[in-house]
Amino acid sequence: MLKTVITLFTTVALFSSALAQNGIDFKTSSFEDVLTLAQKENKLVFVDFYTNWSGPSKRMAANVFTQSKVGDLFNKEFVCIRVEAERGNGGPELARKYRLRAYPSYLFLDGGGNEISRSVGVLTAEELIAKGKTALEKKPK
């Protein structure tokens, strides 16, 4: 009986981890390091500019960025970073540099920090994926 319970528990644990969501892997390094990595890997940069008080920012973090289908595209094609736009390490300066007015704002940049495209507000996973694919089409050769 104990052997059956242990086998069942192990099976459930393995199955649960297989179902775990593999959303966007946001880098925790500096913005400059992300740009350098993007240049090295010949990728675009996806920046999520958010604020701690923004409900839409929180919804995106909880419901969209965590989805596997979003992570599949963004982890393969982009170097991703989240920037707290009103606080923290360079966030306010970057928000001013890119003239952000609403949050969340999403920027697609080349490795030099040049803007390819942007979007604002809550998006579905499908909309975010479409925005990512459009940015890739505009990627400098």
N, C-alpha and C. Protein backbone atom coordinates (compact mmCIF):
# COMPACT_ATOMS: atom_id res chain seq x y z
N MET A 1 0.82 -1.20 0.00
CA MET A 1 0.00 0.00 0.00
C MET A 1 0.87 1.27 0.00
N LEU A 2 1.87 1.28 0.87
CA LEU A 2 2.76 2.44 0.95
C LEU A 2 3.49 2.65 -0.38
N LYS A 3 3.87 1.55 -1.01
CA LYS A 3 4.55 1.63 -2.30
C LYS A 3 3.64 2.27 -3.35
N THR A 4 2.37 1.93 -3.33
CA THR A 4 1.39 2.50 -4.26
C THR A 4 1.22 3.99 -4.03
N VAL A 5 1.14 4.38 -2.77
CA VAL A 5 0.98 5.80 -2.42
C VAL A 5 2.20 6.60 -2.88
N ILE A 6 3.38 6.06 -2.64
CA ILE A 6 4.61 6.75 -3.05
C ILE A 6 4.67 6.87 -4.58
N THR A 7 4.33 5.80 -5.27
CA THR A 7 4.32 5.83 -6.74
C THR A 7 3.32 6.85 -7.26
N LEU A 8 2.14 6.86 -6.66
CA LEU A 8 1.11 7.83 -7.07
C LEU A 8 1.57 9.26 -6.81
N PHE A 9 2.15 9.50 -5.64
CA PHE A 9 2.64 10.84 -5.29
C PHE A 9 3.73 11.29 -6.27
N THR A 10 4.66 10.40 -6.57
CA THR A 10 5.75 10.72 -7.50
C THR A 10 5.21 11.04 -8.89
N THR A 11 4.24 10.25 -9.34
CA THR A 11 3.64 10.48 -10.66
C THR A 11 2.94 11.83 -10.72
N VAL A 12 2.19 12.16 -9.68
CA VAL A 12 1.49 13.45 -9.63
C VAL A 12 2.49 14.59 -9.60
N ALA A 13 3.56 14.46 -8.82
CA ALA A 13 4.57 15.51 -8.74
C ALA A 13 5.25 15.73 -10.09
N LEU A 14 5.60 14.66 -10.77
CA LEU A 14 6.23 14.79 -12.09
C LEU A 14 5.28 15.39 -13.11
N PHE A 15 4.03 14.96 -13.09
CA PHE A 15 3.03 15.48 -14.02
C PHE A 15 2.78 16.96 -13.76
N SER A 16 2.72 17.35 -12.50
CA SER A 16 2.49 18.75 -12.16
C SER A 16 3.62 19.63 -12.64
N SER A 17 4.86 19.16 -12.47
CA SER A 17 5.98 19.98 -12.93
C SER A 17 6.01 20.06 -14.45
N ALA A 18 5.54 19.03 -15.12
CA ALA A 18 5.48 19.07 -16.59
C ALA A 18 4.46 20.08 -17.06
N LEU A 19 3.42 20.29 -16.27
CA LEU A 19 2.39 21.26 -16.63
C LEU A 19 2.72 22.68 -16.19
N ALA A 20 3.79 22.82 -15.43
CA ALA A 20 4.15 24.15 -14.94
C ALA A 20 4.36 25.08 -16.13
N GLN A 21 3.91 26.30 -15.96
CA GLN A 21 4.00 27.25 -17.05
C GLN A 21 5.43 27.73 -17.21
N ASN A 22 5.84 27.85 -18.43
CA ASN A 22 7.17 28.36 -18.76
C ASN A 22 6.99 29.64 -19.54
N GLY A 23 6.67 30.69 -18.84
CA GLY A 23 6.43 31.97 -19.47
C GLY A 23 7.73 32.67 -19.82
N ILE A 24 7.63 33.97 -19.97
CA ILE A 24 8.79 34.78 -20.35
C ILE A 24 9.84 34.75 -19.25
N ASP A 25 11.07 34.53 -19.66
CA ASP A 25 12.22 34.56 -18.75
C ASP A 25 12.80 35.98 -18.78
N PHE A 26 12.34 36.81 -17.86
CA PHE A 26 12.84 38.18 -17.79
C PHE A 26 14.20 38.19 -17.11
N LYS A 27 15.16 38.83 -17.75
CA LYS A 27 16.50 38.95 -17.19
C LYS A 27 16.47 39.92 -16.02
N THR A 28 17.32 39.67 -15.04
CA THR A 28 17.39 40.56 -13.88
C THR A 28 18.65 41.43 -13.93
N SER A 29 19.39 41.34 -15.00
CA SER A 29 20.59 42.16 -15.15
C SER A 29 20.22 43.58 -15.55
N SER A 30 21.22 44.42 -15.68
CA SER A 30 20.98 45.82 -16.01
C SER A 30 20.49 45.97 -17.45
N PHE A 31 19.90 47.11 -17.73
CA PHE A 31 19.42 47.40 -19.08
C PHE A 31 20.58 47.35 -20.07
N GLU A 32 21.72 47.91 -19.69
CA GLU A 32 22.89 47.91 -20.57
C GLU A 32 23.37 46.49 -20.85
N ASP A 33 23.34 45.64 -19.82
CA ASP A 33 23.75 44.25 -20.02
C ASP A 33 22.79 43.51 -20.95
N VAL A 34 21.50 43.83 -20.86
CA VAL A 34 20.51 43.22 -21.74
C VAL A 34 20.77 43.64 -23.19
N LEU A 35 21.08 44.91 -23.40
CA LEU A 35 21.39 45.37 -24.76
C LEU A 35 22.62 44.65 -25.31
N THR A 36 23.64 44.51 -24.47
CA THR A 36 24.86 43.81 -24.88
C THR A 36 24.57 42.36 -25.25
N LEU A 37 23.76 41.69 -24.42
CA LEU A 37 23.39 40.30 -24.69
C LEU A 37 22.60 40.19 -25.99
N ALA A 38 21.70 41.13 -26.22
CA ALA A 38 20.91 41.12 -27.46
C ALA A 38 21.82 41.27 -28.68
N GLN A 39 22.80 42.15 -28.59
CA GLN A 39 23.75 42.31 -29.70
C GLN A 39 24.53 41.02 -29.93
N LYS A 40 25.00 40.43 -28.84
CA LYS A 40 25.79 39.20 -28.92
C LYS A 40 24.99 38.06 -29.54
N GLU A 41 23.71 37.95 -29.16
CA GLU A 41 22.86 36.85 -29.64
C GLU A 41 22.06 37.21 -30.89
N ASN A 42 22.26 38.44 -31.39
CA ASN A 42 21.53 38.93 -32.56
C ASN A 42 20.01 38.81 -32.37
N LYS A 43 19.55 39.30 -31.23
CA LYS A 43 18.13 39.28 -30.90
C LYS A 43 17.64 40.70 -30.66
N LEU A 44 16.34 40.86 -30.70
CA LEU A 44 15.73 42.11 -30.28
C LEU A 44 15.53 42.06 -28.77
N VAL A 45 15.26 43.22 -28.19
CA VAL A 45 14.98 43.34 -26.76
C VAL A 45 13.50 43.62 -26.59
N PHE A 46 12.86 42.91 -25.66
CA PHE A 46 11.48 43.19 -25.27
C PHE A 46 11.54 43.78 -23.87
N VAL A 47 11.02 45.01 -23.72
CA VAL A 47 11.02 45.68 -22.43
C VAL A 47 9.59 45.88 -21.97
N ASP A 48 9.29 45.38 -20.78
CA ASP A 48 8.01 45.64 -20.13
C ASP A 48 8.24 46.75 -19.11
N PHE A 49 7.77 47.95 -19.43
CA PHE A 49 7.82 49.06 -18.48
C PHE A 49 6.53 49.00 -17.66
N TYR A 50 6.67 48.84 -16.36
CA TYR A 50 5.51 48.69 -15.48
C TYR A 50 5.64 49.61 -14.27
N THR A 51 4.56 49.72 -13.53
CA THR A 51 4.59 50.39 -12.23
C THR A 51 3.94 49.46 -11.21
N ASN A 52 4.33 49.63 -9.96
CA ASN A 52 3.78 48.78 -8.90
C ASN A 52 2.31 49.07 -8.62
N TRP A 53 1.83 50.26 -8.94
CA TRP A 53 0.44 50.63 -8.65
C TRP A 53 -0.51 50.30 -9.80
N SER A 54 0.00 49.91 -10.94
CA SER A 54 -0.82 49.70 -12.14
C SER A 54 -1.47 48.32 -12.14
N GLY A 55 -2.80 48.31 -12.06
CA GLY A 55 -3.55 47.06 -12.17
C GLY A 55 -3.29 46.33 -13.48
N PRO A 56 -3.31 47.05 -14.62
CA PRO A 56 -3.01 46.38 -15.89
C PRO A 56 -1.60 45.76 -15.92
N SER A 57 -0.63 46.42 -15.31
CA SER A 57 0.72 45.84 -15.25
C SER A 57 0.70 44.52 -14.48
N LYS A 58 -0.03 44.51 -13.37
CA LYS A 58 -0.12 43.30 -12.55
C LYS A 58 -0.84 42.18 -13.30
N ARG A 59 -1.89 42.53 -14.04
CA ARG A 59 -2.62 41.50 -14.81
C ARG A 59 -1.74 40.88 -15.89
N MET A 60 -0.97 41.71 -16.56
CA MET A 60 -0.08 41.18 -17.60
C MET A 60 0.95 40.23 -16.98
N ALA A 61 1.53 40.64 -15.86
CA ALA A 61 2.54 39.81 -15.20
C ALA A 61 1.96 38.48 -14.74
N ALA A 62 0.73 38.49 -14.26
CA ALA A 62 0.13 37.27 -13.72
C ALA A 62 -0.51 36.39 -14.78
N ASN A 63 -1.08 37.00 -15.81
CA ASN A 63 -1.93 36.23 -16.72
C ASN A 63 -1.40 36.03 -18.13
N VAL A 64 -0.51 36.89 -18.59
CA VAL A 64 -0.05 36.79 -19.98
C VAL A 64 1.42 36.37 -20.05
N PHE A 65 2.29 37.06 -19.32
CA PHE A 65 3.72 36.75 -19.38
C PHE A 65 4.02 35.33 -18.90
N THR A 66 3.13 34.74 -18.12
CA THR A 66 3.34 33.41 -17.57
C THR A 66 2.93 32.28 -18.51
N GLN A 67 2.30 32.61 -19.61
CA GLN A 67 1.80 31.56 -20.51
C GLN A 67 2.93 30.96 -21.35
N SER A 68 2.88 29.64 -21.46
CA SER A 68 3.92 28.92 -22.21
C SER A 68 4.03 29.38 -23.66
N LYS A 69 2.90 29.60 -24.31
CA LYS A 69 2.95 30.00 -25.72
C LYS A 69 3.62 31.36 -25.89
N VAL A 70 3.48 32.23 -24.91
CA VAL A 70 4.17 33.52 -24.94
C VAL A 70 5.66 33.30 -24.70
N GLY A 71 5.98 32.53 -23.68
CA GLY A 71 7.37 32.23 -23.38
C GLY A 71 8.10 31.55 -24.52
N ASP A 72 7.39 30.67 -25.23
CA ASP A 72 8.02 29.96 -26.35
C ASP A 72 8.59 30.93 -27.39
N LEU A 73 7.82 31.93 -27.76
CA LEU A 73 8.29 32.90 -28.75
C LEU A 73 9.29 33.87 -28.14
N PHE A 74 8.94 34.46 -27.01
CA PHE A 74 9.75 35.54 -26.46
C PHE A 74 11.11 35.05 -25.95
N ASN A 75 11.17 33.87 -25.36
CA ASN A 75 12.45 33.36 -24.88
C ASN A 75 13.37 32.96 -26.02
N LYS A 76 12.80 32.57 -27.15
CA LYS A 76 13.60 32.18 -28.31
C LYS A 76 14.11 33.39 -29.09
N GLU A 77 13.27 34.40 -29.26
CA GLU A 77 13.56 35.48 -30.20
C GLU A 77 13.99 36.80 -29.57
N PHE A 78 13.79 36.97 -28.28
CA PHE A 78 14.06 38.25 -27.63
C PHE A 78 14.87 38.06 -26.36
N VAL A 79 15.58 39.10 -25.97
CA VAL A 79 16.12 39.20 -24.63
C VAL A 79 15.13 40.10 -23.89
N CYS A 80 14.56 39.59 -22.81
CA CYS A 80 13.44 40.27 -22.15
C CYS A 80 13.85 40.83 -20.80
N ILE A 81 13.30 41.99 -20.49
CA ILE A 81 13.57 42.65 -19.21
C ILE A 81 12.33 43.41 -18.77
N ARG A 82 12.11 43.46 -17.46
CA ARG A 82 11.05 44.28 -16.89
C ARG A 82 11.72 45.47 -16.21
N VAL A 83 11.17 46.65 -16.42
CA VAL A 83 11.73 47.87 -15.84
C VAL A 83 10.63 48.58 -15.06
N GLU A 84 10.88 48.80 -13.77
CA GLU A 84 9.95 49.57 -12.94
C GLU A 84 10.15 51.03 -13.33
N ALA A 85 9.17 51.61 -13.96
CA ALA A 85 9.33 52.90 -14.64
C ALA A 85 9.43 54.09 -13.70
N GLU A 86 8.98 53.96 -12.48
CA GLU A 86 8.98 55.12 -11.59
C GLU A 86 9.98 55.01 -10.44
N ARG A 87 10.63 53.89 -10.33
CA ARG A 87 11.59 53.68 -9.25
C ARG A 87 12.74 52.83 -9.76
N GLY A 88 13.69 52.67 -8.88
CA GLY A 88 14.70 51.66 -9.13
C GLY A 88 15.85 52.10 -9.98
N ASN A 89 16.56 51.10 -10.41
CA ASN A 89 17.84 51.27 -11.08
C ASN A 89 17.68 51.72 -12.52
N GLY A 90 17.56 53.02 -12.72
CA GLY A 90 17.49 53.57 -14.07
C GLY A 90 16.12 53.62 -14.69
N GLY A 91 15.09 53.12 -14.02
CA GLY A 91 13.75 53.08 -14.57
C GLY A 91 13.20 54.44 -14.97
N PRO A 92 13.23 55.42 -14.06
CA PRO A 92 12.69 56.74 -14.42
C PRO A 92 13.43 57.38 -15.61
N GLU A 93 14.74 57.20 -15.66
CA GLU A 93 15.51 57.77 -16.76
C GLU A 93 15.14 57.11 -18.09
N LEU A 94 14.97 55.80 -18.07
CA LEU A 94 14.57 55.10 -19.30
C LEU A 94 13.17 55.48 -19.72
N ALA A 95 12.27 55.64 -18.75
CA ALA A 95 10.89 56.06 -19.08
C ALA A 95 10.89 57.43 -19.75
N ARG A 96 11.75 58.33 -19.27
CA ARG A 96 11.86 59.65 -19.90
C ARG A 96 12.50 59.54 -21.28
N LYS A 97 13.55 58.76 -21.38
CA LYS A 97 14.24 58.60 -22.66
C LYS A 97 13.29 58.13 -23.75
N TYR A 98 12.43 57.17 -23.42
CA TYR A 98 11.51 56.61 -24.41
C TYR A 98 10.14 57.28 -24.39
N ARG A 99 10.03 58.36 -23.62
CA ARG A 99 8.82 59.20 -23.57
C ARG A 99 7.54 58.39 -23.29
N LEU A 100 7.61 57.64 -22.23
CA LEU A 100 6.46 56.82 -21.85
C LEU A 100 5.45 57.66 -21.10
N ARG A 101 4.18 57.42 -21.39
CA ARG A 101 3.10 58.19 -20.78
C ARG A 101 2.07 57.32 -20.07
N ALA A 102 2.08 56.02 -20.35
CA ALA A 102 1.08 55.12 -19.76
C ALA A 102 1.74 53.77 -19.47
N TYR A 103 1.15 53.05 -18.53
CA TYR A 103 1.70 51.75 -18.13
C TYR A 103 0.60 50.71 -18.03
N PRO A 104 0.95 49.51 -18.41
CA PRO A 104 2.24 49.07 -18.90
C PRO A 104 2.50 49.51 -20.34
N SER A 105 3.77 49.74 -20.63
CA SER A 105 4.22 50.03 -21.99
C SER A 105 5.23 48.97 -22.37
N TYR A 106 5.16 48.51 -23.60
CA TYR A 106 6.06 47.47 -24.09
C TYR A 106 6.85 48.02 -25.27
N LEU A 107 8.16 47.93 -25.17
CA LEU A 107 9.01 48.39 -26.26
C LEU A 107 9.80 47.22 -26.83
N PHE A 108 9.89 47.21 -28.14
CA PHE A 108 10.76 46.28 -28.84
C PHE A 108 11.92 47.12 -29.36
N LEU A 109 13.13 46.76 -28.96
CA LEU A 109 14.32 47.54 -29.29
C LEU A 109 15.34 46.66 -29.99
N ASP A 110 16.21 47.31 -30.77
CA ASP A 110 17.35 46.56 -31.28
C ASP A 110 18.44 46.58 -30.21
N GLY A 111 19.55 45.91 -30.47
CA GLY A 111 20.62 45.82 -29.48
C GLY A 111 21.29 47.14 -29.17
N GLY A 112 21.04 48.16 -29.97
CA GLY A 112 21.57 49.49 -29.71
C GLY A 112 20.62 50.34 -28.89
N GLY A 113 19.47 49.79 -28.55
CA GLY A 113 18.48 50.54 -27.77
C GLY A 113 17.54 51.37 -28.63
N ASN A 114 17.60 51.20 -29.95
CA ASN A 114 16.73 51.94 -30.85
C ASN A 114 15.36 51.26 -30.93
N GLU A 115 14.32 52.07 -30.86
CA GLU A 115 12.96 51.53 -30.85
C GLU A 115 12.56 50.97 -32.21
N ILE A 116 12.04 49.75 -32.18
CA ILE A 116 11.49 49.09 -33.37
C ILE A 116 9.98 49.30 -33.39
N SER A 117 9.34 49.05 -32.24
CA SER A 117 7.90 49.27 -32.11
C SER A 117 7.54 49.32 -30.63
N ARG A 118 6.29 49.72 -30.36
CA ARG A 118 5.80 49.80 -28.99
C ARG A 118 4.33 49.51 -28.94
N SER A 119 3.87 49.20 -27.73
CA SER A 119 2.46 48.96 -27.47
C SER A 119 2.19 49.36 -26.03
N VAL A 120 0.93 49.63 -25.73
CA VAL A 120 0.55 50.08 -24.38
C VAL A 120 -0.70 49.33 -23.94
N GLY A 121 -0.77 49.03 -22.65
CA GLY A 121 -2.00 48.50 -22.06
C GLY A 121 -2.05 46.99 -21.99
N VAL A 122 -3.20 46.51 -21.55
CA VAL A 122 -3.41 45.07 -21.41
C VAL A 122 -3.59 44.45 -22.79
N LEU A 123 -2.88 43.36 -23.03
CA LEU A 123 -2.99 42.60 -24.27
C LEU A 123 -3.29 41.15 -23.92
N THR A 124 -3.95 40.46 -24.81
CA THR A 124 -4.09 39.02 -24.65
C THR A 124 -2.76 38.38 -25.05
N ALA A 125 -2.62 37.12 -24.73
CA ALA A 125 -1.41 36.40 -25.15
C ALA A 125 -1.26 36.43 -26.66
N GLU A 126 -2.37 36.24 -27.35
CA GLU A 126 -2.33 36.23 -28.81
C GLU A 126 -1.93 37.60 -29.37
N GLU A 127 -2.43 38.67 -28.76
CA GLU A 127 -2.07 40.02 -29.21
C GLU A 127 -0.59 40.29 -28.97
N LEU A 128 -0.08 39.87 -27.81
CA LEU A 128 1.33 40.10 -27.51
C LEU A 128 2.22 39.30 -28.47
N ILE A 129 1.84 38.08 -28.74
CA ILE A 129 2.59 37.26 -29.70
C ILE A 129 2.59 37.93 -31.08
N ALA A 130 1.44 38.44 -31.50
CA ALA A 130 1.36 39.13 -32.80
C ALA A 130 2.26 40.36 -32.81
N LYS A 131 2.28 41.12 -31.72
CA LYS A 131 3.16 42.30 -31.64
C LYS A 131 4.62 41.87 -31.74
N GLY A 132 4.96 40.77 -31.07
CA GLY A 132 6.33 40.26 -31.14
C GLY A 132 6.72 39.86 -32.55
N LYS A 133 5.82 39.17 -33.24
CA LYS A 133 6.10 38.75 -34.62
C LYS A 133 6.24 39.94 -35.56
N THR A 134 5.43 40.97 -35.35
CA THR A 134 5.54 42.18 -36.15
C THR A 134 6.89 42.85 -35.92
N ALA A 135 7.33 42.91 -34.66
CA ALA A 135 8.64 43.50 -34.36
C ALA A 135 9.75 42.71 -35.04
N LEU A 136 9.63 41.40 -35.04
CA LEU A 136 10.66 40.57 -35.70
C LEU A 136 10.73 40.84 -37.19
N GLU A 137 9.58 41.11 -37.81
CA GLU A 137 9.56 41.43 -39.24
C GLU A 137 10.28 42.75 -39.53
N LYS A 138 10.29 43.65 -38.54
CA LYS A 138 10.94 44.96 -38.70
C LYS A 138 12.40 44.94 -38.25
N LYS A 139 12.86 43.81 -37.76
CA LYS A 139 14.22 43.70 -37.23
C LYS A 139 15.23 44.08 -38.30
N PRO A 140 16.17 44.96 -37.96
CA PRO A 140 17.22 45.32 -38.92
C PRO A 140 18.04 44.08 -39.29
N LYS A 141 18.38 43.99 -40.54
CA LYS A 141 19.15 42.82 -41.02
C LYS A 141 20.60 42.96 -40.69
